[in-house]
Protein backbone atom coordinates (compact mmCIF):
# COMPACT_ATOMS: atom_id res chain seq x y z
CA UNK A 1 117.39 99.08 79.59
CA UNK A 2 120.92 100.06 80.59
CA UNK A 3 120.03 103.75 80.49
CA UNK A 4 117.25 103.44 83.07
CA UNK A 5 118.39 103.72 86.66
CA UNK A 6 116.88 101.20 89.13
CA UNK A 7 115.84 103.97 91.53
CA UNK A 8 113.87 105.70 88.78
CA UNK A 9 111.75 102.58 88.29
CA UNK A 10 110.95 102.47 92.02
CA UNK A 11 110.07 106.18 92.04
CA UNK A 12 107.80 105.70 89.03
CA UNK A 13 106.11 102.72 90.67
CA UNK A 14 105.65 104.70 93.88
CA UNK A 15 104.14 107.69 92.10
CA UNK A 16 101.71 105.47 90.19
CA UNK A 17 100.61 103.82 93.44
CA UNK A 18 100.09 107.11 95.29
CA UNK A 19 98.15 108.68 92.42
CA UNK A 20 96.04 105.53 92.08
CA UNK A 21 95.11 105.43 95.76
CA UNK A 22 94.53 109.17 95.74
CA UNK A 23 92.12 108.82 92.84
CA UNK A 24 90.15 106.19 94.77
CA UNK A 25 89.91 108.50 97.77
CA UNK A 26 88.95 111.43 95.54
CA UNK A 27 86.22 109.35 93.91
CA UNK A 28 84.75 108.50 97.31
CA UNK A 29 84.87 112.13 98.44
CA UNK A 30 83.24 113.39 95.22
CA UNK A 31 80.29 111.02 95.53
CA UNK A 32 77.07 112.95 95.00
CA UNK A 33 78.80 116.19 93.99
CA UNK A 34 79.14 117.96 90.66
CA UNK A 35 82.67 116.53 90.32
CA UNK A 36 81.53 112.91 90.58
CA UNK A 37 81.72 112.10 86.85
CA UNK A 38 85.14 113.71 86.40
CA UNK A 39 86.56 111.91 89.42
CA UNK A 40 85.14 108.58 88.24
CA UNK A 41 86.72 109.02 84.82
CA UNK A 42 90.04 109.94 86.42
CA UNK A 43 89.76 106.88 88.67
CA UNK A 44 89.09 104.58 85.71
CA UNK A 45 92.14 105.97 83.91
CA UNK A 46 94.25 105.45 87.03
CA UNK A 47 92.86 101.94 87.43
CA UNK A 48 93.98 101.11 83.89
CA UNK A 49 97.45 102.59 84.50
CA UNK A 50 97.91 100.69 87.78
CA UNK A 51 96.73 97.47 86.14
CA UNK A 52 99.08 98.00 83.21
CA UNK A 53 101.91 98.76 85.64
CA UNK A 54 101.25 95.47 87.44
CA UNK A 55 101.30 93.51 84.19
CA UNK A 56 104.48 95.21 82.94
CA UNK A 57 106.20 94.73 86.29
CA UNK A 58 105.41 91.01 86.25
CA UNK A 59 106.60 90.66 82.65
CA UNK A 60 109.83 92.56 83.34
CA UNK A 61 110.35 90.59 86.56
CA UNK A 62 110.56 93.75 88.66
CA UNK A 63 110.52 92.88 92.36
CA UNK A 64 107.84 95.49 93.12
CA UNK A 65 105.04 93.92 91.05
CA UNK A 66 103.17 93.10 94.25
CA UNK A 67 102.87 96.83 95.05
CA UNK A 68 100.87 97.44 91.89
CA UNK A 69 98.76 94.34 92.49
CA UNK A 70 98.00 95.38 96.05
CA UNK A 71 97.20 98.93 94.98
CA UNK A 72 94.87 97.61 92.30
CA UNK A 73 92.99 95.51 94.86
CA UNK A 74 92.81 98.40 97.35
CA UNK A 75 91.53 100.76 94.67
CA UNK A 76 88.74 98.38 93.72
CA UNK A 77 87.78 97.81 97.35
CA UNK A 78 87.90 101.51 98.20
CA UNK A 79 85.36 102.47 95.55
CA UNK A 80 83.02 99.50 95.95
CA UNK A 81 82.71 99.15 99.73
CA UNK A 82 79.87 101.22 101.15
CA UNK A 83 81.44 103.08 104.06
CA UNK A 84 78.24 104.97 104.86
CA UNK A 85 76.88 101.82 106.48
CA UNK A 86 79.44 102.21 109.25
CA UNK A 87 77.60 105.26 110.53
CA UNK A 88 74.06 103.89 110.43
CA UNK A 89 72.51 102.38 113.56
CA UNK A 90 72.00 98.60 113.61
CA UNK A 91 68.67 97.25 112.44
CA UNK A 92 66.03 97.60 115.13
CA UNK A 93 67.91 100.25 117.11
CA UNK A 94 66.34 103.69 117.34
CA UNK A 95 68.73 106.52 116.37
CA UNK A 96 69.26 109.17 119.01
């Protein structure tokens, strides 16, 4: 582990987090389109990588393990929460 620079670990963690969150956003944007299946598969691969990164970071006692854990939680929430409900009128109200 002497050959690995500490800054390279942080850059790698950061890139994994950004790609993971980007895949969640891409999956939401591709909903209902022809690219939906491809984006879901990419998201699942990213979800596995972020989860593995969190486990490895905890095992190696890297201080940034919480970043991967938080990203994992945000990714799951981003693809499961139904944001379309935010734009619908409340029950009983007539849309204009």
